[in-house]
C-alpha atoms as a PDB file:
ATOM      1  CA  MET A   1     -38.497 -36.275   9.023  1.00  0.00           C
ATOM      2  CA  TYR A   2     -39.087 -32.505   9.385  1.00  0.00           C
ATOM      3  CA  PRO A   3     -42.757 -31.897   8.673  1.00  0.00           C
ATOM      4  CA  ASP A   4     -42.540 -28.087   8.739  1.00  0.00           C
ATOM      5  CA  LEU A   5     -39.869 -27.890   6.029  1.00  0.00           C
ATOM      6  CA  GLU A   6     -41.217 -27.670   2.507  1.00  0.00           C
ATOM      7  CA  ILE A   7     -38.629 -28.781  -0.033  1.00  0.00           C
ATOM      8  CA  GLU A   8     -40.534 -27.266  -2.941  1.00  0.00           C
ATOM      9  CA  SER A   9     -40.337 -23.734  -1.522  1.00  0.00           C
ATOM     10  CA  VAL A  10     -36.564 -23.968  -1.035  1.00  0.00           C
ATOM     11  CA  GLU A  11     -35.945 -25.243  -4.556  1.00  0.00           C
ATOM     12  CA  SER A  12     -38.282 -22.781  -6.246  1.00  0.00           C
ATOM     13  CA  ALA A  13     -37.087 -19.829  -8.288  1.00  0.00           C
ATOM     14  CA  ASP A  14     -38.396 -17.430  -5.629  1.00  0.00           C
ATOM     15  CA  PHE A  15     -35.534 -18.292  -3.254  1.00  0.00           C
ATOM     16  CA  TYR A  16     -32.570 -15.956  -3.728  1.00  0.00           C
ATOM     17  CA  PRO A  17     -29.597 -15.486  -1.403  1.00  0.00           C
ATOM     18  CA  VAL A  18     -29.492 -12.257   0.526  1.00  0.00           C
ATOM     19  CA  ARG A  19     -27.240  -9.649  -1.039  1.00  0.00           C
ATOM     20  CA  THR A  20     -24.397  -8.570   1.151  1.00  0.00           C
ATOM     21  CA  ASN A  21     -23.316  -4.986   1.468  1.00  0.00           C
ATOM     22  CA  PRO A  22     -19.513  -5.036   0.990  1.00  0.00           C
ATOM     23  CA  LYS A  23     -17.358  -2.359   2.541  1.00  0.00           C
ATOM     24  CA  LEU A  24     -14.193  -0.751   1.293  1.00  0.00           C
ATOM     25  CA  PRO A  25     -11.152  -1.529   3.452  1.00  0.00           C
ATOM     26  CA  ILE A  26     -10.281   1.166   5.959  1.00  0.00           C
ATOM     27  CA  PHE A  27      -6.552   0.797   5.198  1.00  0.00           C
ATOM     28  CA  THR A  28      -7.064   1.930   1.594  1.00  0.00           C
ATOM     29  CA  ILE A  29      -9.135   4.919   2.688  1.00  0.00           C
ATOM     30  CA  VAL A  30      -6.642   6.020   5.353  1.00  0.00           C
ATOM     31  CA  ALA A  31      -3.630   5.483   3.072  1.00  0.00           C
ATOM     32  CA  THR A  32      -5.304   7.567   0.375  1.00  0.00           C
ATOM     33  CA  ILE A  33      -6.145  10.350   2.823  1.00  0.00           C
ATOM     34  CA  ILE A  34      -2.478  10.440   3.857  1.00  0.00           C
ATOM     35  CA  PHE A  35      -0.685   9.784   0.563  1.00  0.00           C
ATOM     36  CA  LEU A  36      -2.730  11.796  -1.940  1.00  0.00           C
ATOM     37  CA  PRO A  37      -2.215  15.253  -0.352  1.00  0.00           C
ATOM     38  CA  LEU A  38       1.381  14.268   0.350  1.00  0.00           C
ATOM     39  CA  SER A  39       1.925  13.402  -3.305  1.00  0.00           C
ATOM     40  CA  ALA A  40       0.459  16.731  -4.413  1.00  0.00           C
ATOM     41  CA  PHE A  41       2.710  18.514  -1.896  1.00  0.00           C
ATOM     42  CA  PHE A  42       5.795  16.677  -3.181  1.00  0.00           C
ATOM     43  CA  ILE A  43       4.982  17.434  -6.819  1.00  0.00           C
ATOM     44  CA  ILE A  44       4.301  21.125  -6.121  1.00  0.00           C
ATOM     45  CA  LEU A  45       7.366  21.584  -3.905  1.00  0.00           C
ATOM     46  CA  GLY A  46       9.617  19.781  -6.380  1.00  0.00           C
ATOM     47  CA  SER A  47       8.230  21.852  -9.265  1.00  0.00           C
ATOM     48  CA  PHE A  48       8.785  25.179  -7.533  1.00  0.00           C
ATOM     49  CA  THR A  49      12.346  24.341  -6.490  1.00  0.00           C
ATOM     50  CA  LEU A  50      13.359  22.674  -9.753  1.00  0.00           C
ATOM     51  CA  GLY A  51      15.965  25.199 -10.849  1.00  0.00           C
ATOM     52  CA  THR A  52      16.875  26.721  -7.504  1.00  0.00           C
ATOM     53  CA  CYS A  53      18.780  23.911  -5.756  1.00  0.00           C
ATOM     54  CA  SER A  54      22.312  23.972  -7.166  1.00  0.00           C
ATOM     55  CA  MET A  55      23.750  21.929  -4.289  1.00  0.00           C
ATOM     56  CA  GLU A  56      21.853  18.833  -5.395  1.00  0.00           C
ATOM     57  CA  HIS A  57      19.869  19.461  -8.552  1.00  0.00           C
ATOM     58  CA  TYR A  58      18.418  15.913  -8.556  1.00  0.00           C
ATOM     59  CA  LEU A  59      16.579  16.421  -5.269  1.00  0.00           C
ATOM     60  CA  PRO A  60      13.608  18.366  -6.740  1.00  0.00           C
ATOM     61  CA  ILE A  61      13.387  15.863  -9.616  1.00  0.00           C
ATOM     62  CA  TRP A  62      13.380  13.030  -7.071  1.00  0.00           C
ATOM     63  CA  MET A  63      10.590  14.749  -5.169  1.00  0.00           C
ATOM     64  CA  ILE A  64       8.486  15.100  -8.341  1.00  0.00           C
ATOM     65  CA  PHE A  65       8.987  11.410  -9.137  1.00  0.00           C
ATOM     66  CA  LEU A  66       8.122  10.478  -5.549  1.00  0.00           C
ATOM     67  CA  GLY A  67       4.882  12.466  -5.687  1.00  0.00           C
ATOM     68  CA  THR A  68       4.013  10.927  -9.032  1.00  0.00           C
ATOM     69  CA  PHE A  69       4.693   7.423  -7.688  1.00  0.00           C
ATOM     70  CA  LEU A  70       2.429   8.048  -4.690  1.00  0.00           C
ATOM     71  CA  ALA A  71      -0.391   9.341  -6.905  1.00  0.00           C
ATOM     72  CA  ILE A  72      -0.112   6.425  -9.340  1.00  0.00           C
ATOM     73  CA  ASP A  73       0.095   3.986  -6.433  1.00  0.00           C
ATOM     74  CA  ARG A  74      -3.122   5.294  -4.909  1.00  0.00           C
ATOM     75  CA  THR A  75      -4.823   5.215  -8.315  1.00  0.00           C
ATOM     76  CA  PHE A  76      -3.987   1.555  -8.860  1.00  0.00           C
ATOM     77  CA  ALA A  77      -4.921   0.668  -5.278  1.00  0.00           C
ATOM     78  CA  TRP A  78      -8.366   2.236  -5.750  1.00  0.00           C
ATOM     79  CA  ILE A  79      -8.861   0.561  -9.129  1.00  0.00           C
ATOM     80  CA  PHE A  80      -8.147  -2.862  -7.608  1.00  0.00           C
ATOM     81  CA  GLU A  81     -10.251  -2.232  -4.502  1.00  0.00           C
ATOM     82  CA  LEU A  82     -13.198  -0.861  -6.485  1.00  0.00           C
ATOM     83  CA  ASN A  83     -13.114  -3.835  -8.868  1.00  0.00           C
ATOM     84  CA  LEU A  84     -13.320  -6.197  -5.885  1.00  0.00           C
ATOM     85  CA  TYR A  85     -16.039  -4.047  -4.297  1.00  0.00           C
ATOM     86  CA  LYS A  86     -18.084  -4.046  -7.517  1.00  0.00           C
ATOM     87  CA  PHE A  87     -17.706  -7.812  -7.860  1.00  0.00           C
ATOM     88  CA  MET A  88     -18.816  -8.414  -4.272  1.00  0.00           C
ATOM     89  CA  LYS A  89     -21.769  -6.048  -4.666  1.00  0.00           C
ATOM     90  CA  ASP A  90     -22.988  -7.376  -8.017  1.00  0.00           C
ATOM     91  CA  ASN A  91     -22.348 -11.081  -7.478  1.00  0.00           C
ATOM     92  CA  THR A  92     -23.924 -12.686  -4.472  1.00  0.00           C
ATOM     93  CA  LYS A  93     -22.253 -15.756  -3.091  1.00  0.00           C
ATOM     94  CA  PRO A  94     -24.072 -18.814  -4.478  1.00  0.00           C
ATOM     95  CA  VAL A  95     -25.277 -21.336  -1.931  1.00  0.00           C
ATOM     96  CA  GLU A  96     -26.827 -24.102  -4.001  1.00  0.00           C
ATOM     97  CA  GLU A  97     -24.489 -25.544  -6.634  1.00  0.00           C
ATOM     98  CA  LEU A  98     -20.938 -26.492  -5.781  1.00  0.00           C
ATOM     99  CA  GLU A  99     -19.609 -25.789  -9.312  1.00  0.00           C
ATOM    100  CA  VAL A 100     -21.082 -22.286  -9.347  1.00  0.00           C
ATOM    101  CA  LEU A 101     -19.703 -21.667  -5.849  1.00  0.00           C
ATOM    102  CA  ASN A 102     -16.239 -22.822  -6.930  1.00  0.00           C
ATOM    103  CA  GLU A 103     -16.338 -20.531  -9.969  1.00  0.00           C
ATOM    104  CA  TRP A 104     -17.463 -17.589  -7.805  1.00  0.00           C
ATOM    105  CA  GLU A 105     -14.676 -18.227  -5.273  1.00  0.00           C
ATOM    106  CA  PHE A 106     -12.131 -18.492  -8.107  1.00  0.00           C
ATOM    107  CA  LYS A 107     -13.173 -15.120  -9.566  1.00  0.00           C
ATOM    108  CA  LYS A 108     -13.176 -13.490  -6.132  1.00  0.00           C
ATOM    109  CA  SER A 109      -9.773 -14.907  -5.210  1.00  0.00           C
ATOM    110  CA  GLY A 110      -8.308 -13.544  -8.452  1.00  0.00           C
ATOM    111  CA  LEU A 111      -9.452 -10.045  -7.532  1.00  0.00           C
ATOM    112  CA  GLU A 112      -8.232 -10.431  -3.951  1.00  0.00           C
ATOM    113  CA  LEU A 113      -4.891 -11.716  -5.208  1.00  0.00           C
ATOM    114  CA  ARG A 114      -4.376  -8.588  -7.309  1.00  0.00           C
ATOM    115  CA  VAL A 115      -5.048  -6.403  -4.271  1.00  0.00           C
ATOM    116  CA  SER A 116      -2.819  -8.403  -1.927  1.00  0.00           C
ATOM    117  CA  ASN A 117       0.008  -8.604  -4.470  1.00  0.00           C
ATOM    118  CA  TYR A 118      -0.011  -4.836  -4.884  1.00  0.00           C
ATOM    119  CA  THR A 119       0.887  -3.943  -1.276  1.00  0.00           C
ATOM    120  CA  PRO A 120       4.518  -5.161  -1.550  1.00  0.00           C
ATOM    121  CA  VAL A 121       4.906  -2.993  -4.652  1.00  0.00           C
ATOM    122  CA  THR A 122       3.925   0.035  -2.580  1.00  0.00           C
ATOM    123  CA  VAL A 123       6.284  -0.851   0.267  1.00  0.00           C
ATOM    124  CA  CYS A 124       9.200  -1.606  -2.075  1.00  0.00           C
ATOM    125  CA  GLY A 125       8.570   1.600  -4.007  1.00  0.00           C
ATOM    126  CA  LEU A 126       8.594   3.682  -0.842  1.00  0.00           C
ATOM    127  CA  LEU A 127      11.772   1.970   0.328  1.00  0.00           C
ATOM    128  CA  PHE A 128      13.403   2.514  -3.070  1.00  0.00           C
ATOM    129  CA  PHE A 129      12.519   6.230  -3.085  1.00  0.00           C
ATOM    130  CA  ALA A 130      13.711   6.622   0.521  1.00  0.00           C
ATOM    131  CA  LEU A 131      17.079   5.050  -0.318  1.00  0.00           C
ATOM    132  CA  ILE A 132      17.511   7.217  -3.423  1.00  0.00           C
ATOM    133  CA  GLY A 133      16.469  10.305  -1.443  1.00  0.00           C
ATOM    134  CA  THR A 134      19.009   9.498   1.253  1.00  0.00           C
ATOM    135  CA  TYR A 135      21.686   9.216  -1.416  1.00  0.00           C
ATOM    136  CA  PHE A 136      20.765  12.658  -2.784  1.00  0.00           C
ATOM    137  CA  LEU A 137      20.662  14.146   0.715  1.00  0.00           C
ATOM    138  CA  GLN A 138      24.291  13.189   1.385  1.00  0.00           C
ATOM    139  CA  SER A 139      25.587  16.253  -0.422  1.00  0.00           C
ATOM    140  CA  VAL A 140      23.287  18.640   1.453  1.00  0.00           C
ATOM    141  CA  TRP A 141      23.354  16.964   4.891  1.00  0.00           C
ATOM    142  CA  TYR A 142      25.004  19.922   6.604  1.00  0.00           C
ATOM    143  CA  ILE A 143      23.208  22.966   5.280  1.00  0.00           C
ATOM    144  CA  PRO A 144      25.644  25.852   4.880  1.00  0.00           C
ATOM    145  CA  GLU A 145      24.461  29.360   5.573  1.00  0.00           C
ATOM    146  CA  SER A 146      25.131  30.439   1.993  1.00  0.00           C
ATOM    147  CA  GLY A 147      23.357  27.463   0.432  1.00  0.00           C
ATOM    148  CA  ASP A 148      20.749  28.295  -2.157  1.00  0.00           C
ATOM    149  CA  CYS A 149      18.752  25.082  -1.706  1.00  0.00           C
ATOM    150  CA  ASN A 150      15.285  25.512  -0.215  1.00  0.00           C
ATOM    151  CA  ASP A 151      15.207  24.475   3.451  1.00  0.00           C
ATOM    152  CA  LEU A 152      11.659  23.140   3.100  1.00  0.00           C
ATOM    153  CA  LEU A 153      12.810  20.838   0.291  1.00  0.00           C
ATOM    154  CA  ILE A 154      15.681  19.474   2.343  1.00  0.00           C
ATOM    155  CA  LEU A 155      13.751  19.079   5.593  1.00  0.00           C
ATOM    156  CA  THR A 156      10.786  17.424   3.886  1.00  0.00           C
ATOM    157  CA  SER A 157      13.118  15.003   2.126  1.00  0.00           C
ATOM    158  CA  MET A 158      14.913  14.200   5.372  1.00  0.00           C
ATOM    159  CA  ILE A 159      11.660  13.627   7.271  1.00  0.00           C
ATOM    160  CA  PHE A 160      10.256  11.383   4.522  1.00  0.00           C
ATOM    161  CA  CYS A 161      13.426   9.288   4.313  1.00  0.00           C
ATOM    162  CA  SER A 162      13.596   8.995   8.100  1.00  0.00           C
ATOM    163  CA  ILE A 163       9.961   7.928   8.425  1.00  0.00           C
ATOM    164  CA  ILE A 164      10.453   5.193   5.830  1.00  0.00           C
ATOM    165  CA  LEU A 165      13.956   3.977   6.688  1.00  0.00           C
ATOM    166  CA  LEU A 166      13.882   3.985  10.508  1.00  0.00           C
ATOM    167  CA  PRO A 167      11.095   1.368  10.857  1.00  0.00           C
ATOM    168  CA  CYS A 168      12.803  -0.769   8.211  1.00  0.00           C
ATOM    169  CA  PHE A 169      16.108  -0.550  10.064  1.00  0.00           C
ATOM    170  CA  LEU A 170      14.479  -1.325  13.425  1.00  0.00           C
ATOM    171  CA  GLY A 171      12.631  -4.248  11.844  1.00  0.00           C
ATOM    172  CA  LEU A 172      15.909  -5.656  10.521  1.00  0.00           C
ATOM    173  CA  ILE A 173      17.483  -5.344  13.966  1.00  0.00           C
ATOM    174  CA  LEU A 174      14.489  -7.113  15.542  1.00  0.00           C
ATOM    175  CA  LEU A 175      14.690  -9.829  12.884  1.00  0.00           C
ATOM    176  CA  PHE A 176      18.401 -10.306  13.549  1.00  0.00           C
ATOM    177  CA  ILE A 177      17.860 -10.512  17.328  1.00  0.00           C
ATOM    178  CA  SER A 178      15.073 -13.072  16.893  1.00  0.00           C
ATOM    179  CA  TRP A 179      17.296 -15.089  14.537  1.00  0.00           C
ATOM    180  CA  ILE A 180      20.096 -15.131  17.143  1.00  0.00           C
ATOM    181  CA  PHE A 181      17.596 -16.110  19.844  1.00  0.00           C
ATOM    182  CA  LEU A 182      16.266 -19.003  17.748  1.00  0.00           C
ATOM    183  CA  TRP A 183      19.808 -20.097  16.920  1.00  0.00           C
ATOM    184  CA  LEU A 184      20.717 -20.117  20.618  1.00  0.00           C
ATOM    185  CA  LEU A 185      17.586 -22.095  21.427  1.00  0.00           C
ATOM    186  CA  SER A 186      18.441 -24.664  18.785  1.00  0.00           C
ATOM    187  CA  CYS A 187      22.008 -24.957  20.121  1.00  0.00           C
ATOM    188  CA  PHE A 188      20.986 -25.523  23.734  1.00  0.00           C
ATOM    189  CA  PHE A 189      17.888 -27.642  23.238  1.00  0.00           C
ATOM    190  CA  ALA A 190      18.863 -29.664  20.167  1.00  0.00           C
END
């Protein structure tokens, strides 16, 4: 039917699929550029103010744990992303046999699943640390003039908790408003 197509050349061992050049996700790179120096800053600041904050002595410990969580989080994120990158680089997508293609897709989806399941752990961890930090900041909310707690420790903690909790709070408000809107729509058009 197609005289120019030679079936023997397609089925020969010389035909290999073209290797793709996978790329690392930009989100992981940007998050690492932001979170890794921040984690080092939190660990260093918490270490230097460990014994000096008598108003709330758990605040420097919280900051050390927060920095450690961020560093461990970025480590696991890179391990998962690099495993997927290595798999995509070393294993080309098969095009000929359906069983081999299904096996390849199964292995790839397992690696992608580990990466996608890890993001909620990061978000929940940040939310957990922001809530705990807010609890510790209650006792030092109004900084007295004679307080011996480091202002940088308190302000950094307040900024971190605000950056994490304000979008969550605004998202909950938006979710509640959309729920009311959908409820009203169902009442009037049901």
